[in-house]
Amino acid sequence: MDDELRKRGTSMVAEAASRMSSDLSVAGLPASLKATRQGAVGTLWLARSEKRNALDDRTILGIESYFTSIADDIKVVVLAAEGADFSAGLDLGEIKERGIGEGIEHSRLWHRAFERIQFGKVPVVAVMQGAVIGGGLELAAAAHVRVAERSAYYALPEASRGIFVGGGGSVRLPRLIGVARVMDMILTGRTYAAEEGQTIGLSTYLVDGGEGFATGLELAQRIASNVPLTNFAAIHMLPRIAEGDPASGFATEALIAAIAQADDEAKARLNDFLEKRGPKVKRV
């Protein structure tokens, strides 16, 4: 039954990708990536399903290139994957002969690429299914919203292979689930199922098989409807305020709030709300 659900989910992802228009503004992406768009929402697809979307250097460079050159009229990006797995992590074949200096530069490449996601031009929604392992989990952790299908599972198997996380996982993952849980995953090879991942904070939304991309797209369209300055403040300022000392945080918050409410589009939306033309928050 689980295999049937995974196959159905895979076919639905492929169908969704085929319905979206190609983003011709993105040039030079490797064959392991595909860029599509639907209105103001761009989608970057991991497209190396025959390798369980393992991340090699060309793919990481392509991710960096895509998030550096996003078109101005794209307001949100969905990060999704073809096939049954989001990503099985680092392509180990590329690192077996690397020396220390090369290894450092390899990690710096991943750090640079994933920073383009976390602190880039637009919010990013990751859609996860199947294996979200090692570097795949590090990639997902750089996104701002994470949607998991029930087939998703999470692991950091680096210790069993004699290596260590190198794509920012030691920085981002403890902020999501705590140092103790990340240490446990590394030391014992613990695997979290989708439901457990939702409980501890690896995902923001949990949906049934085959519903991940549709949910991610819906969330992205909702985010795209926000005032861009507010989205910028949420992805750039909120993390920095949260990690700073409270006094600096309060001062920064006051400044950003003043800047945001002075924006012309914000003023127009506030006026619409006061004149009962704007949307209201509804009970769920």
C-alpha atoms as a PDB file:
ATOM      1  CA  MET A   1       0.000   0.000   0.000  1.00  0.00           C
ATOM      2  CA  ASP A   2       2.839   2.409   0.877  1.00  0.00           C
ATOM      3  CA  ASP A   3       4.559   1.633  -2.443  1.00  0.00           C
ATOM      4  CA  GLU A   4       1.324   2.358  -4.287  1.00  0.00           C
ATOM      5  CA  LEU A   5       0.995   5.722  -2.543  1.00  0.00           C
ATOM      6  CA  ARG A   6       4.607   6.612  -3.353  1.00  0.00           C
ATOM      7  CA  LYS A   7       4.102   5.703  -7.021  1.00  0.00           C
ATOM      8  CA  ARG A   8       0.905   7.741  -7.170  1.00  0.00           C
ATOM      9  CA  GLY A   9       2.642  10.693  -5.542  1.00  0.00           C
ATOM     10  CA  THR A  10       5.557  10.432  -7.984  1.00  0.00           C
ATOM     11  CA  SER A  11       3.236  10.444 -10.993  1.00  0.00           C
ATOM     12  CA  MET A  12       1.316  13.427  -9.625  1.00  0.00           C
ATOM     13  CA  VAL A  13       4.563  15.383  -9.197  1.00  0.00           C
ATOM     14  CA  ALA A  14       5.587  14.570 -12.771  1.00  0.00           C
ATOM     15  CA  GLU A  15       2.168  15.635 -14.035  1.00  0.00           C
ATOM     16  CA  ALA A  16       2.377  18.913 -12.092  1.00  0.00           C
ATOM     17  CA  ALA A  17       5.806  19.643 -13.539  1.00  0.00           C
ATOM     18  CA  SER A  18       4.594  18.994 -17.072  1.00  0.00           C
ATOM     19  CA  ARG A  19       1.707  21.457 -16.666  1.00  0.00           C
ATOM     20  CA  MET A  20       3.943  24.329 -15.606  1.00  0.00           C
ATOM     21  CA  SER A  21       5.636  26.522 -18.171  1.00  0.00           C
ATOM     22  CA  SER A  22       9.404  26.411 -18.575  1.00  0.00           C
ATOM     23  CA  ASP A  23      11.255  29.404 -17.175  1.00  0.00           C
ATOM     24  CA  LEU A  24      13.290  30.488 -20.152  1.00  0.00           C
ATOM     25  CA  SER A  25      14.919  33.304 -18.168  1.00  0.00           C
ATOM     26  CA  VAL A  26      17.111  30.783 -16.325  1.00  0.00           C
ATOM     27  CA  ALA A  27      20.031  29.760 -18.503  1.00  0.00           C
ATOM     28  CA  GLY A  28      22.793  27.268 -17.930  1.00  0.00           C
ATOM     29  CA  LEU A  29      21.122  24.972 -15.413  1.00  0.00           C
ATOM     30  CA  PRO A  30      22.557  21.448 -15.338  1.00  0.00           C
ATOM     31  CA  ALA A  31      20.450  18.497 -16.428  1.00  0.00           C
ATOM     32  CA  SER A  32      19.913  17.641 -12.752  1.00  0.00           C
ATOM     33  CA  LEU A  33      17.735  20.756 -12.304  1.00  0.00           C
ATOM     34  CA  LYS A  34      14.622  22.067 -14.041  1.00  0.00           C
ATOM     35  CA  ALA A  35      13.075  25.505 -13.657  1.00  0.00           C
ATOM     36  CA  THR A  36       9.378  26.153 -14.214  1.00  0.00           C
ATOM     37  CA  ARG A  37       7.009  28.901 -13.146  1.00  0.00           C
ATOM     38  CA  GLN A  38       3.357  29.609 -12.598  1.00  0.00           C
ATOM     39  CA  GLY A  39       2.664  33.336 -12.454  1.00  0.00           C
ATOM     40  CA  ALA A  40       4.694  34.932  -9.663  1.00  0.00           C
ATOM     41  CA  VAL A  41       5.786  31.544  -8.306  1.00  0.00           C
ATOM     42  CA  GLY A  42       8.912  29.876  -9.644  1.00  0.00           C
ATOM     43  CA  THR A  43       9.694  26.217  -9.064  1.00  0.00           C
ATOM     44  CA  LEU A  44      13.149  24.690  -9.016  1.00  0.00           C
ATOM     45  CA  TRP A  45      12.981  20.906  -9.468  1.00  0.00           C
ATOM     46  CA  LEU A  46      15.673  18.473  -8.425  1.00  0.00           C
ATOM     47  CA  ALA A  47      15.650  16.273 -11.536  1.00  0.00           C
ATOM     48  CA  ARG A  48      18.114  13.475 -10.904  1.00  0.00           C
ATOM     49  CA  SER A  49      15.628  10.878  -9.763  1.00  0.00           C
ATOM     50  CA  GLU A  50      17.672   7.965 -11.134  1.00  0.00           C
ATOM     51  CA  LYS A  51      20.253   8.871  -8.453  1.00  0.00           C
ATOM     52  CA  ARG A  52      17.574   9.626  -5.834  1.00  0.00           C
ATOM     53  CA  ASN A  53      18.368  13.304  -6.444  1.00  0.00           C
ATOM     54  CA  ALA A  54      21.850  12.989  -4.949  1.00  0.00           C
ATOM     55  CA  LEU A  55      23.544  16.382  -4.885  1.00  0.00           C
ATOM     56  CA  ASP A  56      26.742  16.683  -6.911  1.00  0.00           C
ATOM     57  CA  ASP A  57      28.806  19.835  -7.419  1.00  0.00           C
ATOM     58  CA  ARG A  58      27.129  20.731 -10.722  1.00  0.00           C
ATOM     59  CA  THR A  59      23.729  20.596  -9.034  1.00  0.00           C
ATOM     60  CA  ILE A  60      24.883  22.779  -6.133  1.00  0.00           C
ATOM     61  CA  LEU A  61      26.364  25.312  -8.552  1.00  0.00           C
ATOM     62  CA  GLY A  62      23.077  25.253 -10.484  1.00  0.00           C
ATOM     63  CA  ILE A  63      21.115  25.909  -7.286  1.00  0.00           C
ATOM     64  CA  GLU A  64      23.375  28.851  -6.515  1.00  0.00           C
ATOM     65  CA  SER A  65      22.977  30.200 -10.050  1.00  0.00           C
ATOM     66  CA  TYR A  66      19.193  29.881  -9.982  1.00  0.00           C
ATOM     67  CA  PHE A  67      18.701  31.658  -6.663  1.00  0.00           C
ATOM     68  CA  THR A  68      21.189  34.376  -7.611  1.00  0.00           C
ATOM     69  CA  SER A  69      19.434  35.195 -10.892  1.00  0.00           C
ATOM     70  CA  ILE A  70      15.734  34.948  -9.994  1.00  0.00           C
ATOM     71  CA  ALA A  71      13.622  37.161 -12.243  1.00  0.00           C
ATOM     72  CA  ASP A  72      12.270  40.315 -10.606  1.00  0.00           C
ATOM     73  CA  ASP A  73       8.656  39.267 -11.203  1.00  0.00           C
ATOM     74  CA  ILE A  74       9.067  35.972  -9.315  1.00  0.00           C
ATOM     75  CA  LYS A  75       7.988  36.582  -5.721  1.00  0.00           C
ATOM     76  CA  VAL A  76       8.318  33.084  -4.212  1.00  0.00           C
ATOM     77  CA  VAL A  77      10.102  29.850  -5.145  1.00  0.00           C
ATOM     78  CA  VAL A  78       8.961  26.284  -4.540  1.00  0.00           C
ATOM     79  CA  LEU A  79      11.849  23.834  -4.176  1.00  0.00           C
ATOM     80  CA  ALA A  80      10.574  20.400  -5.237  1.00  0.00           C
ATOM     81  CA  ALA A  81      11.923  17.096  -6.506  1.00  0.00           C
ATOM     82  CA  GLU A  82      11.024  14.640  -9.227  1.00  0.00           C
ATOM     83  CA  GLY A  83      10.742  10.972  -8.341  1.00  0.00           C
ATOM     84  CA  ALA A  84      10.079   9.182  -5.072  1.00  0.00           C
ATOM     85  CA  ASP A  85      12.747  10.995  -3.023  1.00  0.00           C
ATOM     86  CA  PHE A  86      13.462  14.619  -2.252  1.00  0.00           C
ATOM     87  CA  SER A  87      17.192  13.968  -1.982  1.00  0.00           C
ATOM     88  CA  ALA A  88      19.367  11.149  -0.679  1.00  0.00           C
ATOM     89  CA  GLY A  89      22.068  13.717   0.059  1.00  0.00           C
ATOM     90  CA  LEU A  90      25.630  14.286  -1.038  1.00  0.00           C
ATOM     91  CA  ASP A  91      26.910  12.371  -4.060  1.00  0.00           C
ATOM     92  CA  LEU A  92      29.612  10.467  -2.166  1.00  0.00           C
ATOM     93  CA  GLY A  93      31.461   9.567  -5.345  1.00  0.00           C
ATOM     94  CA  GLU A  94      32.719  13.144  -5.595  1.00  0.00           C
ATOM     95  CA  ILE A  95      34.462  13.325  -2.217  1.00  0.00           C
ATOM     96  CA  LYS A  96      36.337  10.025  -1.816  1.00  0.00           C
ATOM     97  CA  GLU A  97      39.617  11.426  -3.188  1.00  0.00           C
ATOM     98  CA  ARG A  98      39.449  14.971  -1.806  1.00  0.00           C
ATOM     99  CA  GLY A  99      42.109  16.388   0.492  1.00  0.00           C
ATOM    100  CA  ILE A 100      41.521  18.719   3.437  1.00  0.00           C
ATOM    101  CA  GLY A 101      41.797  21.934   1.446  1.00  0.00           C
ATOM    102  CA  GLU A 102      39.476  20.643  -1.256  1.00  0.00           C
ATOM    103  CA  GLY A 103      37.018  19.498   1.393  1.00  0.00           C
ATOM    104  CA  ILE A 104      36.920  22.960   2.944  1.00  0.00           C
ATOM    105  CA  GLU A 105      36.234  24.564  -0.417  1.00  0.00           C
ATOM    106  CA  HIS A 106      33.538  21.981  -1.119  1.00  0.00           C
ATOM    107  CA  SER A 107      31.706  22.908   2.090  1.00  0.00           C
ATOM    108  CA  ARG A 108      32.114  26.605   1.321  1.00  0.00           C
ATOM    109  CA  LEU A 109      30.412  26.006  -2.040  1.00  0.00           C
ATOM    110  CA  TRP A 110      27.402  24.421  -0.302  1.00  0.00           C
ATOM    111  CA  HIS A 111      27.315  27.184   2.310  1.00  0.00           C
ATOM    112  CA  ARG A 112      27.315  29.859  -0.377  1.00  0.00           C
ATOM    113  CA  ALA A 113      24.601  28.163  -2.432  1.00  0.00           C
ATOM    114  CA  PHE A 114      22.277  27.501   0.502  1.00  0.00           C
ATOM    115  CA  GLU A 115      22.725  31.026   1.836  1.00  0.00           C
ATOM    116  CA  ARG A 116      21.281  32.198  -1.483  1.00  0.00           C
ATOM    117  CA  ILE A 117      18.152  30.284  -0.439  1.00  0.00           C
ATOM    118  CA  GLN A 118      17.921  31.293   3.209  1.00  0.00           C
ATOM    119  CA  PHE A 119      18.895  34.936   2.730  1.00  0.00           C
ATOM    120  CA  GLY A 120      18.023  35.408  -0.913  1.00  0.00           C
ATOM    121  CA  LYS A 121      15.603  37.571  -2.848  1.00  0.00           C
ATOM    122  CA  VAL A 122      12.374  35.691  -2.106  1.00  0.00           C
ATOM    123  CA  PRO A 123      10.810  33.230   0.360  1.00  0.00           C
ATOM    124  CA  VAL A 124      11.311  29.550  -0.469  1.00  0.00           C
ATOM    125  CA  VAL A 125       8.877  26.675   0.165  1.00  0.00           C
ATOM    126  CA  ALA A 126      10.419  23.177   0.137  1.00  0.00           C
ATOM    127  CA  VAL A 127       8.255  20.153  -0.731  1.00  0.00           C
ATOM    128  CA  MET A 128       9.669  16.904   0.645  1.00  0.00           C
ATOM    129  CA  GLN A 129       8.863  13.261  -0.049  1.00  0.00           C
ATOM    130  CA  GLY A 130      10.724  10.008   0.470  1.00  0.00           C
ATOM    131  CA  ALA A 131      14.364  10.296   1.504  1.00  0.00           C
ATOM    132  CA  VAL A 132      15.395  13.647   2.991  1.00  0.00           C
ATOM    133  CA  ILE A 133      18.834  12.532   4.048  1.00  0.00           C
ATOM    134  CA  GLY A 134      22.158  14.183   4.834  1.00  0.00           C
ATOM    135  CA  GLY A 135      22.745  16.993   2.358  1.00  0.00           C
ATOM    136  CA  GLY A 136      19.118  16.726   1.260  1.00  0.00           C
ATOM    137  CA  LEU A 137      18.018  17.617   4.778  1.00  0.00           C
ATOM    138  CA  GLU A 138      20.573  20.430   4.883  1.00  0.00           C
ATOM    139  CA  LEU A 139      19.107  21.774   1.637  1.00  0.00           C
ATOM    140  CA  ALA A 140      15.543  21.626   2.963  1.00  0.00           C
ATOM    141  CA  ALA A 141      16.623  23.332   6.201  1.00  0.00           C
ATOM    142  CA  ALA A 142      17.652  26.416   4.209  1.00  0.00           C
ATOM    143  CA  ALA A 143      14.045  26.919   3.040  1.00  0.00           C
ATOM    144  CA  HIS A 144      11.606  29.093   4.984  1.00  0.00           C
ATOM    145  CA  VAL A 145       8.572  26.781   4.874  1.00  0.00           C
ATOM    146  CA  ARG A 146       8.767  22.993   4.581  1.00  0.00           C
ATOM    147  CA  VAL A 147       5.907  20.766   3.403  1.00  0.00           C
ATOM    148  CA  ALA A 148       6.325  17.020   3.973  1.00  0.00           C
ATOM    149  CA  GLU A 149       4.373  14.173   2.475  1.00  0.00           C
ATOM    150  CA  ARG A 150       3.816  11.165   4.740  1.00  0.00           C
ATOM    151  CA  SER A 151       6.418   9.187   2.804  1.00  0.00           C
ATOM    152  CA  ALA A 152       9.172  11.566   3.958  1.00  0.00           C
ATOM    153  CA  TYR A 153      11.871  10.380   6.348  1.00  0.00           C
ATOM    154  CA  TYR A 154      14.907  12.168   7.748  1.00  0.00           C
ATOM    155  CA  ALA A 155      18.418  11.040   8.674  1.00  0.00           C
ATOM    156  CA  LEU A 156      22.005  12.257   9.028  1.00  0.00           C
ATOM    157  CA  PRO A 157      24.065   9.124   8.236  1.00  0.00           C
ATOM    158  CA  GLU A 158      27.403  10.952   7.920  1.00  0.00           C
ATOM    159  CA  ALA A 159      29.032   9.363  10.995  1.00  0.00           C
ATOM    160  CA  SER A 160      28.547   5.831   9.654  1.00  0.00           C
ATOM    161  CA  ARG A 161      30.413   6.918   6.506  1.00  0.00           C
ATOM    162  CA  GLY A 162      33.265   8.590   8.368  1.00  0.00           C
ATOM    163  CA  ILE A 163      32.313  12.153   7.432  1.00  0.00           C
ATOM    164  CA  PHE A 164      30.536  15.117   9.014  1.00  0.00           C
ATOM    165  CA  VAL A 165      27.731  17.419   7.900  1.00  0.00           C
ATOM    166  CA  GLY A 166      29.184  20.020   5.549  1.00  0.00           C
ATOM    167  CA  GLY A 167      26.248  21.874   4.003  1.00  0.00           C
ATOM    168  CA  GLY A 168      25.289  24.071   6.935  1.00  0.00           C
ATOM    169  CA  GLY A 169      23.458  21.358   8.869  1.00  0.00           C
ATOM    170  CA  SER A 170      25.370  21.961  12.095  1.00  0.00           C
ATOM    171  CA  VAL A 171      24.163  25.575  12.020  1.00  0.00           C
ATOM    172  CA  ARG A 172      20.603  25.383  10.686  1.00  0.00           C
ATOM    173  CA  LEU A 173      19.316  22.073  12.050  1.00  0.00           C
ATOM    174  CA  PRO A 174      19.984  22.793  15.757  1.00  0.00           C
ATOM    175  CA  ARG A 175      17.958  25.975  15.338  1.00  0.00           C
ATOM    176  CA  LEU A 176      15.055  23.870  14.062  1.00  0.00           C
ATOM    177  CA  ILE A 177      15.109  20.864  16.375  1.00  0.00           C
ATOM    178  CA  GLY A 178      17.793  21.498  19.014  1.00  0.00           C
ATOM    179  CA  VAL A 179      21.417  20.438  19.450  1.00  0.00           C
ATOM    180  CA  ALA A 180      20.564  17.246  21.373  1.00  0.00           C
ATOM    181  CA  ARG A 181      18.364  15.837  18.596  1.00  0.00           C
ATOM    182  CA  VAL A 182      20.871  16.665  15.868  1.00  0.00           C
ATOM    183  CA  MET A 183      23.661  15.073  17.923  1.00  0.00           C
ATOM    184  CA  ASP A 184      21.520  11.954  18.386  1.00  0.00           C
ATOM    185  CA  MET A 185      20.835  11.748  14.639  1.00  0.00           C
ATOM    186  CA  ILE A 186      24.563  11.989  13.865  1.00  0.00           C
ATOM    187  CA  LEU A 187      25.828   9.648  16.605  1.00  0.00           C
ATOM    188  CA  THR A 188      23.208   6.910  16.410  1.00  0.00           C
ATOM    189  CA  GLY A 189      21.991   7.255  12.821  1.00  0.00           C
ATOM    190  CA  ARG A 190      18.453   7.782  14.083  1.00  0.00           C
ATOM    191  CA  THR A 191      15.810   8.131  11.392  1.00  0.00           C
ATOM    192  CA  TYR A 192      12.672  10.221  11.895  1.00  0.00           C
ATOM    193  CA  ALA A 193       9.450   9.372  10.074  1.00  0.00           C
ATOM    194  CA  ALA A 194       7.320  12.146   8.605  1.00  0.00           C
ATOM    195  CA  GLU A 195       4.974  12.326  11.603  1.00  0.00           C
ATOM    196  CA  GLU A 196       7.888  12.551  14.047  1.00  0.00           C
ATOM    197  CA  GLY A 197       9.571  15.155  11.849  1.00  0.00           C
ATOM    198  CA  GLN A 198       6.441  17.284  11.957  1.00  0.00           C
ATOM    199  CA  THR A 199       6.292  17.032  15.755  1.00  0.00           C
ATOM    200  CA  ILE A 200       9.907  18.092  16.340  1.00  0.00           C
ATOM    201  CA  GLY A 201       9.975  20.836  13.695  1.00  0.00           C
ATOM    202  CA  LEU A 202      11.651  19.408  10.593  1.00  0.00           C
ATOM    203  CA  SER A 203       8.504  20.184   8.599  1.00  0.00           C
ATOM    204  CA  THR A 204       5.976  22.972   8.882  1.00  0.00           C
ATOM    205  CA  TYR A 205       3.104  21.141   7.156  1.00  0.00           C
ATOM    206  CA  LEU A 206       2.341  17.428   6.853  1.00  0.00           C
ATOM    207  CA  VAL A 207       0.129  16.189   4.001  1.00  0.00           C
ATOM    208  CA  ASP A 208      -0.884  12.926   2.377  1.00  0.00           C
ATOM    209  CA  GLY A 209       1.064  11.348  -0.453  1.00  0.00           C
ATOM    210  CA  GLY A 210       0.777  13.199  -3.748  1.00  0.00           C
ATOM    211  CA  GLU A 211      -0.497  16.399  -2.091  1.00  0.00           C
ATOM    212  CA  GLY A 212       2.843  17.985  -1.296  1.00  0.00           C
ATOM    213  CA  PHE A 213       3.399  20.019  -4.423  1.00  0.00           C
ATOM    214  CA  ALA A 214      -0.173  21.326  -4.596  1.00  0.00           C
ATOM    215  CA  THR A 215       0.050  22.398  -0.951  1.00  0.00           C
ATOM    216  CA  GLY A 216       3.449  23.983  -1.482  1.00  0.00           C
ATOM    217  CA  LEU A 217       2.197  25.878  -4.529  1.00  0.00           C
ATOM    218  CA  GLU A 218      -0.888  27.097  -2.653  1.00  0.00           C
ATOM    219  CA  LEU A 219       1.265  28.360   0.216  1.00  0.00           C
ATOM    220  CA  ALA A 220       3.666  30.016  -2.227  1.00  0.00           C
ATOM    221  CA  GLN A 221       0.813  31.826  -3.985  1.00  0.00           C
ATOM    222  CA  ARG A 222      -0.432  33.050  -0.606  1.00  0.00           C
ATOM    223  CA  ILE A 223       3.066  34.299   0.277  1.00  0.00           C
ATOM    224  CA  ALA A 224       3.390  35.959  -3.140  1.00  0.00           C
ATOM    225  CA  SER A 225       0.284  38.024  -2.372  1.00  0.00           C
ATOM    226  CA  ASN A 226       2.005  39.699   0.597  1.00  0.00           C
ATOM    227  CA  VAL A 227       3.704  43.058   0.365  1.00  0.00           C
ATOM    228  CA  PRO A 228       7.292  42.303  -0.792  1.00  0.00           C
ATOM    229  CA  LEU A 229       8.822  44.442   1.951  1.00  0.00           C
ATOM    230  CA  THR A 230       7.048  42.365   4.610  1.00  0.00           C
ATOM    231  CA  ASN A 231       8.311  39.136   3.042  1.00  0.00           C
ATOM    232  CA  PHE A 232      11.829  40.576   2.992  1.00  0.00           C
ATOM    233  CA  ALA A 233      11.589  41.494   6.677  1.00  0.00           C
ATOM    234  CA  ALA A 234      10.323  38.019   7.563  1.00  0.00           C
ATOM    235  CA  ILE A 235      13.148  36.117   5.870  1.00  0.00           C
ATOM    236  CA  HIS A 236      16.021  38.531   6.517  1.00  0.00           C
ATOM    237  CA  MET A 237      15.259  40.402   9.723  1.00  0.00           C
ATOM    238  CA  LEU A 238      13.264  37.926  11.829  1.00  0.00           C
ATOM    239  CA  PRO A 239      16.063  35.303  12.069  1.00  0.00           C
ATOM    240  CA  ARG A 240      18.624  37.957  12.949  1.00  0.00           C
ATOM    241  CA  ILE A 241      16.354  39.553  15.559  1.00  0.00           C
ATOM    242  CA  ALA A 242      15.641  36.140  17.107  1.00  0.00           C
ATOM    243  CA  GLU A 243      19.351  35.317  17.399  1.00  0.00           C
ATOM    244  CA  GLY A 244      20.409  38.721  18.761  1.00  0.00           C
ATOM    245  CA  ASP A 245      20.166  40.185  22.232  1.00  0.00           C
ATOM    246  CA  PRO A 246      16.659  41.377  23.239  1.00  0.00           C
ATOM    247  CA  ALA A 247      17.526  45.088  23.445  1.00  0.00           C
ATOM    248  CA  SER A 248      18.906  45.130  19.905  1.00  0.00           C
ATOM    249  CA  GLY A 249      15.977  43.011  18.764  1.00  0.00           C
ATOM    250  CA  PHE A 250      13.378  45.436  20.080  1.00  0.00           C
ATOM    251  CA  ALA A 251      15.165  48.387  18.474  1.00  0.00           C
ATOM    252  CA  THR A 252      15.483  46.598  15.124  1.00  0.00           C
ATOM    253  CA  GLU A 253      11.851  45.481  15.248  1.00  0.00           C
ATOM    254  CA  ALA A 254      10.670  49.049  15.854  1.00  0.00           C
ATOM    255  CA  LEU A 255      12.724  50.300  12.926  1.00  0.00           C
ATOM    256  CA  ILE A 256      11.541  47.592  10.518  1.00  0.00           C
ATOM    257  CA  ALA A 257       7.914  48.020  11.607  1.00  0.00           C
ATOM    258  CA  ALA A 258       8.132  51.754  10.905  1.00  0.00           C
ATOM    259  CA  ILE A 259       9.710  51.177   7.497  1.00  0.00           C
ATOM    260  CA  ALA A 260       7.103  48.569   6.565  1.00  0.00           C
ATOM    261  CA  GLN A 261       4.068  50.657   7.540  1.00  0.00           C
ATOM    262  CA  ALA A 262       5.438  53.645   5.614  1.00  0.00           C
ATOM    263  CA  ASP A 263       5.449  51.660   2.374  1.00  0.00           C
ATOM    264  CA  ASP A 264       2.842  52.924  -0.116  1.00  0.00           C
ATOM    265  CA  GLU A 265       1.387  49.466  -0.745  1.00  0.00           C
ATOM    266  CA  ALA A 266       1.089  48.852   3.002  1.00  0.00           C
ATOM    267  CA  LYS A 267      -0.764  52.136   3.421  1.00  0.00           C
ATOM    268  CA  ALA A 268      -3.185  51.206   0.646  1.00  0.00           C
ATOM    269  CA  ARG A 269      -3.876  47.797   2.202  1.00  0.00           C
ATOM    270  CA  LEU A 270      -4.416  49.273   5.655  1.00  0.00           C
ATOM    271  CA  ASN A 271      -6.838  51.780   4.188  1.00  0.00           C
ATOM    272  CA  ASP A 272      -8.724  48.979   2.405  1.00  0.00           C
ATOM    273  CA  PHE A 273      -9.017  47.091   5.688  1.00  0.00           C
ATOM    274  CA  LEU A 274     -10.254  50.121   7.611  1.00  0.00           C
ATOM    275  CA  GLU A 275     -12.862  50.753   4.915  1.00  0.00           C
ATOM    276  CA  LYS A 276     -13.920  47.083   5.114  1.00  0.00           C
ATOM    277  CA  ARG A 277     -12.619  46.213   1.642  1.00  0.00           C
ATOM    278  CA  GLY A 278      -9.687  44.103   2.777  1.00  0.00           C
ATOM    279  CA  PRO A 279      -9.666  40.420   3.805  1.00  0.00           C
ATOM    280  CA  LYS A 280     -10.274  39.477   7.444  1.00  0.00           C
ATOM    281  CA  VAL A 281      -8.745  36.715   9.523  1.00  0.00           C
ATOM    282  CA  LYS A 282     -11.182  33.805   9.774  1.00  0.00           C
ATOM    283  CA  ARG A 283     -11.465  31.012  12.315  1.00  0.00           C
ATOM    284  CA  VAL A 284     -10.146  27.711  10.956  1.00  0.00           C
END
